[in-house]
Protein backbone atom coordinates (compact mmCIF):
# COMPACT_ATOMS: atom_id res chain seq x y z
CA MET A 1 -20.86 -23.12 -11.48
CA GLN A 2 -20.99 -25.93 -13.54
CA VAL A 3 -20.53 -25.39 -18.16
CA VAL A 4 -21.57 -28.01 -19.89
CA ILE A 5 -19.46 -28.38 -23.13
CA ALA A 6 -20.80 -30.68 -25.38
CA GLY A 7 -21.93 -33.41 -22.56
CA GLN A 8 -19.32 -32.93 -20.02
CA SER A 9 -20.03 -31.13 -17.21
CA TYR A 10 -16.82 -28.90 -15.59
CA GLU A 11 -17.12 -26.58 -11.94
CA PHE A 12 -15.99 -24.01 -11.96
CA PRO A 13 -15.79 -20.86 -8.72
CA THR A 14 -17.20 -17.99 -8.78
CA VAL A 15 -15.83 -14.39 -8.26
CA TRP A 16 -16.97 -14.65 -4.86
CA ASP A 17 -16.58 -18.64 -4.08
CA ILE A 18 -12.95 -16.41 -4.58
CA VAL A 19 -13.93 -14.40 -1.99
CA ARG A 20 -15.34 -16.02 0.94
CA ASP A 21 -12.69 -18.73 0.11
CA ILE A 22 -9.58 -15.60 1.03
CA ARG A 23 -11.82 -14.76 3.58
CA LYS A 24 -10.85 -18.52 5.23
CA ARG A 25 -7.41 -17.79 4.49
CA THR A 26 -7.52 -14.93 6.42
CA GLU A 27 -9.22 -16.55 9.14
CA LYS A 28 -7.46 -19.39 9.62
CA GLN A 29 -3.54 -17.40 8.70
CA LEU A 30 -4.77 -14.97 11.55
CA ALA A 31 -5.96 -17.60 14.03
CA SER A 32 -3.73 -17.19 16.95
CA LEU A 33 -4.93 -13.35 17.20
CA PRO A 34 -7.23 -12.26 19.61
CA ALA A 35 -10.81 -12.96 17.99
CA GLU A 36 -11.60 -9.60 17.20
CA LEU A 37 -8.87 -8.68 15.80
CA ARG A 38 -9.15 -11.41 13.67
CA ASP A 39 -13.06 -10.50 12.77
CA ALA A 40 -12.26 -6.92 11.66
CA THR A 41 -8.76 -7.73 9.53
CA ALA A 42 -11.04 -9.98 7.64
CA LEU A 43 -13.21 -7.67 7.17
CA THR A 44 -11.06 -5.85 5.42
CA VAL A 45 -10.02 -7.97 3.26
CA THR A 46 -12.43 -9.04 2.27
CA GLU A 47 -14.52 -5.68 1.82
CA LEU A 48 -11.16 -4.59 -0.84
CA ALA A 49 -11.40 -8.63 -2.10
CA GLU A 50 -15.04 -7.44 -3.17
CA ASN A 51 -13.34 -4.30 -4.37
CA LEU A 52 -11.65 -5.80 -6.43
CA ALA A 53 -14.15 -7.99 -7.98
CA LYS A 54 -16.43 -6.33 -8.76
CA TYR A 55 -14.71 -2.79 -10.12
CA ALA A 56 -11.22 -3.35 -11.04
CA ASP A 57 -10.72 -3.76 -14.82
CA ASN A 58 -9.10 -5.40 -16.00
CA SER A 59 -8.69 -4.81 -19.26
CA ASP A 60 -5.19 -4.93 -19.43
CA GLU A 61 -1.29 -7.34 -18.48
CA SER A 62 -1.18 -5.48 -14.99
CA GLY A 63 -3.93 -7.62 -12.87
CA SER A 64 -5.08 -7.10 -8.95
CA HIS A 65 -2.87 -7.38 -5.86
CA LEU A 66 -4.45 -7.60 -2.99
CA GLU A 67 -1.71 -8.45 0.31
CA LEU A 68 -2.09 -8.85 3.87
CA ASN A 69 1.12 -7.08 6.10
CA ILE A 70 1.57 -7.85 9.88
CA ILE A 71 4.63 -5.79 10.88
CA GLY A 72 5.05 -5.11 14.28
CA ASN A 73 2.07 -3.73 15.79
CA ARG A 74 0.73 -2.70 12.68
CA ILE A 75 -1.69 -4.96 9.73
CA HIS A 76 -0.96 -4.27 6.70
CA VAL A 77 -2.90 -4.49 3.69
CA TYR A 78 -2.59 -3.98 0.74
CA SER A 79 -5.00 -3.12 -3.33
CA GLU A 80 -3.93 -2.09 -5.83
CA ASN A 81 -5.78 -2.59 -9.31
CA ARG A 82 -6.91 -0.49 -11.92
CA VAL A 83 -10.52 1.58 -12.50
CA ASP A 84 -12.36 1.62 -15.31
CA SER A 85 -12.95 5.65 -14.71
CA ASP A 86 -11.35 8.63 -13.24
CA GLU A 87 -14.71 9.10 -12.32
CA ARG A 88 -14.86 5.61 -10.74
CA ALA A 89 -11.26 6.48 -8.11
CA THR A 90 -12.69 9.95 -7.35
CA ARG A 91 -14.44 8.59 -5.59
CA VAL A 92 -13.25 6.24 -4.21
CA LEU A 93 -10.43 8.87 -2.91
CA THR A 94 -13.44 11.64 -1.84
CA ALA A 95 -14.95 8.48 0.15
CA LEU A 96 -11.61 8.19 2.00
CA GLU A 97 -10.12 11.73 2.55
CA ARG A 98 -14.31 12.04 4.51
CA ILE A 99 -13.48 9.00 6.69
CA ALA A 100 -10.21 9.75 7.74
CA SER A 101 -11.46 13.75 8.55
CA HIS A 102 -14.03 12.26 10.22
CA THR A 103 -13.94 11.74 14.12
CA ASP A 104 -17.12 9.58 13.99
CA PRO A 105 -16.86 6.59 10.87
CA THR A 106 -19.96 5.26 12.36
CA GLU A 107 -21.85 7.84 11.49
CA LEU A 108 -20.48 7.93 7.57
CA TYR A 109 -21.38 3.70 7.32
CA ALA A 110 -25.01 4.69 8.84
CA GLU A 111 -25.04 7.35 5.91
CA ALA A 112 -23.47 4.78 3.34
CA ILE A 113 -26.90 2.25 4.61
CA ARG A 114 -28.77 4.71 4.59
CA ASN A 115 -28.34 5.63 0.38
CA ALA A 116 -26.73 2.24 -0.79
CA PHE A 117 -30.83 1.83 -1.26
CA THR A 118 -30.79 5.48 -3.31
CA LEU A 119 -27.40 5.85 -4.87
CA GLY A 120 -26.96 2.68 -7.50
CA ALA A 121 -25.01 0.06 -7.32
CA GLY A 122 -20.91 1.75 -5.86
CA GLU A 123 -22.18 4.16 -5.36
CA SER A 124 -22.46 5.07 -0.76
CA GLN A 125 -18.82 2.96 -0.76
CA GLN A 126 -19.97 0.95 1.97
CA GLY A 127 -17.38 -1.71 2.41
CA PHE A 128 -15.08 1.81 2.95
CA TYR A 129 -17.24 3.30 6.14
CA ARG A 130 -17.31 -0.75 7.41
CA ILE A 131 -14.14 -0.15 7.13
CA ALA A 132 -13.41 2.47 9.61
CA ALA A 133 -16.46 2.43 11.21
CA VAL A 134 -16.22 -1.62 11.63
CA GLY A 135 -12.77 -3.14 10.52
CA GLY A 136 -11.47 0.01 12.80
CA PHE A 137 -8.48 0.56 9.84
CA SER A 138 -7.35 3.70 8.44
CA LEU A 139 -7.62 4.56 5.43
CA THR A 140 -5.51 5.13 2.87
CA ALA A 141 -4.98 5.59 -1.39
CA LYS A 142 -2.81 6.80 -4.01
CA TYR A 143 -4.21 7.10 -7.65
CA GLU A 144 -1.33 6.76 -10.28
CA PRO A 145 -0.86 7.04 -13.88
CA GLN A 146 -2.59 4.52 -16.66
CA ARG A 147 -5.65 4.38 -13.94
CA ARG A 148 -3.87 2.44 -10.91
CA LEU A 149 -5.94 3.03 -7.60
CA LYS A 150 -3.82 1.43 -3.85
CA ILE A 151 -6.17 0.97 -1.74
CA PHE A 152 -4.41 1.08 2.06
CA ALA A 153 -5.85 0.10 5.45
CA GLU A 154 -3.58 -0.40 8.36
CA ARG A 155 -4.28 -0.81 11.53
CA ASN A 156 -2.71 -1.40 15.65
CA MET A 157 -2.55 -5.04 16.38
CA ARG A 158 -3.49 -3.38 19.87
CA PRO A 159 -4.90 -0.13 21.94
């Protein structure tokens, strides 16, 4: 994004530039993994980064957090942010409960894609369904005081 102040031009990254950079850095850090696993993890990190960009309430000092770790045979992706309302957190928790209790996340993802055309922005929870269906990650969440939403995505590195 270009900003001109008193005739002086400045370049600033957009939020989406930052999300793309996060994806590139993730792919680079995981270059030694098989392509399917690297792509699935990059997708998961990117989806959670996009959620932080779109829905995090950074009106206080607590900010947002995104973390990727490989511990033993497990990949762990963790995001934490303050949400703007209890209702938004409830929608996320409901979507993750649906994913956890459903045998085929691909069906839920297809439904979310269809719903994205009729629901408002952020209502379909499409990214979470994509993480489960395409990325193969399990998802859980905790909702804590001060509207802090913590999302945990995990996957085995080997079947």
